[in-house]
Protein backbone atom coordinates (compact mmCIF):
# COMPACT_ATOMS: atom_id res chain seq x y z
CA MET A 1 108.11 55.07 -0.98
CA THR A 2 110.96 57.74 -1.12
CA ILE A 3 111.02 56.80 -5.04
CA MET A 4 107.81 57.13 -5.78
CA VAL A 5 107.50 60.13 -3.92
CA LEU A 6 110.24 61.82 -5.71
CA LEU A 7 109.04 60.44 -8.95
CA ALA A 8 105.25 62.12 -8.23
CA LEU A 9 106.73 65.47 -7.72
CA PHE A 10 109.58 65.48 -10.76
CA THR A 11 107.74 63.89 -13.43
CA ASN A 12 104.93 65.39 -15.32
CA SER A 13 103.77 61.71 -16.71
CA LEU A 14 102.45 59.37 -15.01
CA THR A 15 101.94 61.84 -11.77
CA LYS A 16 98.36 60.24 -10.24
CA VAL A 17 99.86 56.42 -10.60
CA TYR A 18 102.96 57.59 -8.73
CA GLU A 19 100.87 59.53 -6.05
CA MET A 20 98.77 56.07 -5.57
CA ILE A 21 101.42 53.93 -5.30
CA THR A 22 102.97 56.01 -2.65
CA ARG A 23 99.67 56.01 -0.51
CA LEU A 24 99.35 52.05 -0.81
CA GLY A 25 102.97 52.83 0.61
CA TYR A 26 101.85 54.97 3.80
CA ILE A 27 99.21 51.73 4.35
CA VAL A 28 101.95 49.12 4.34
CA ILE A 29 104.05 51.44 6.54
CA ILE A 30 101.49 52.37 9.18
CA VAL A 31 100.70 48.83 9.54
CA THR A 32 104.12 47.40 10.18
CA GLY A 33 104.56 50.16 12.37
CA ILE A 34 101.80 48.78 13.96
CA PHE A 35 103.15 45.73 14.22
CA LEU A 36 106.59 46.79 15.39
CA PHE A 37 105.06 49.29 17.91
CA PRO A 38 105.02 47.28 21.16
CA HIS A 39 108.82 46.02 20.74
CA ALA A 40 109.82 49.78 20.13
CA TRP A 41 107.65 51.04 23.21
CA GLN A 42 109.46 48.42 25.28
CA SER A 43 112.84 49.94 24.40
CA GLU A 44 112.29 53.66 23.14
CA PRO A 45 108.96 55.41 24.51
CA THR A 46 109.71 58.85 23.78
CA LEU A 47 111.76 58.25 20.53
CA LEU A 48 108.64 55.95 19.39
CA ILE A 49 106.47 59.15 20.01
CA ILE A 50 108.81 61.77 18.35
CA LYS A 51 108.73 59.25 15.33
CA VAL A 52 105.42 58.76 15.42
CA ILE A 53 104.70 62.60 15.34
CA LEU A 54 107.26 63.05 12.83
CA ALA A 55 105.84 60.41 10.48
CA ILE A 56 102.22 61.98 10.38
CA LEU A 57 103.73 65.31 9.77
CA LEU A 58 105.94 63.83 6.53
CA ILE A 59 102.44 62.02 5.26
CA ALA A 60 100.49 65.76 5.43
CA LEU A 61 104.25 67.33 3.71
CA ILE A 62 103.82 65.05 1.11
CA GLU A 63 100.21 65.02 0.09
CA ILE A 64 100.47 68.51 0.75
CA ALA A 65 103.06 69.02 -2.13
CA PHE A 66 101.04 66.78 -4.14
CA ALA A 67 98.54 68.82 -4.01
CA ARG A 68 100.27 71.91 -4.93
CA LYS A 69 102.17 69.87 -8.08
CA ASN A 70 98.53 69.31 -9.04
CA SER A 71 97.67 72.94 -8.96
CA GLY A 72 100.75 74.45 -10.28
CA ARG A 73 101.69 75.88 -7.40
CA LEU A 74 104.66 73.33 -6.19
CA THR A 75 107.68 75.32 -4.68
CA VAL A 76 111.45 74.26 -4.60
CA GLN A 77 111.20 75.03 -0.66
CA ALA A 78 108.12 72.28 -0.28
CA VAL A 79 110.32 69.63 -1.89
CA TRP A 80 113.03 70.57 -0.10
CA ALA A 81 111.03 70.02 3.04
CA VAL A 82 109.85 66.59 2.05
CA ILE A 83 113.53 65.29 1.23
CA VAL A 84 114.50 66.81 4.56
CA PHE A 85 111.31 65.29 6.77
CA ILE A 86 112.26 61.69 4.72
CA ILE A 87 115.49 61.88 5.88
CA VAL A 88 114.90 62.86 9.52
CA VAL A 89 112.13 60.18 9.72
CA ALA A 90 114.27 57.37 8.18
CA ILE A 91 117.05 58.22 10.79
CA VAL A 92 114.75 58.33 13.75
CA GLY A 93 113.38 54.99 12.34
CA PHE A 94 116.89 53.34 11.91
CA ALA A 95 117.43 54.86 15.72
CA LEU A 96 114.89 52.60 16.83
CA ALA A 97 115.51 49.59 15.30
CA GLY A 98 119.28 50.23 17.22
CA TRP A 99 120.48 50.98 13.83
CA TYR A 100 120.03 47.28 12.41
CA PRO A 101 120.84 47.58 8.75
CA PHE A 102 124.39 49.56 9.66
CA VAL A 103 125.37 48.26 12.76
């Protein structure tokens, strides 16, 4: 999904296609999050709540960036905010998973 977001923000061709693929990615991530919710709630409920809030903010920020790009008002700060939020949400997600892919 990160690649689709960056392609949508940095390319001028197929932007709508990348945006729609990103939105499908939202659905997949939300559905898998619902399935993982009970397990994560048992281990780290506070971190889970923080991740849910951060993920909702990330989706809103991505959509704001898409709207600004479509209207021609996309700023470097908005792009950096999206990148930073993606990294933060990923780090919190890996922490909730017990750093599974890395440890």
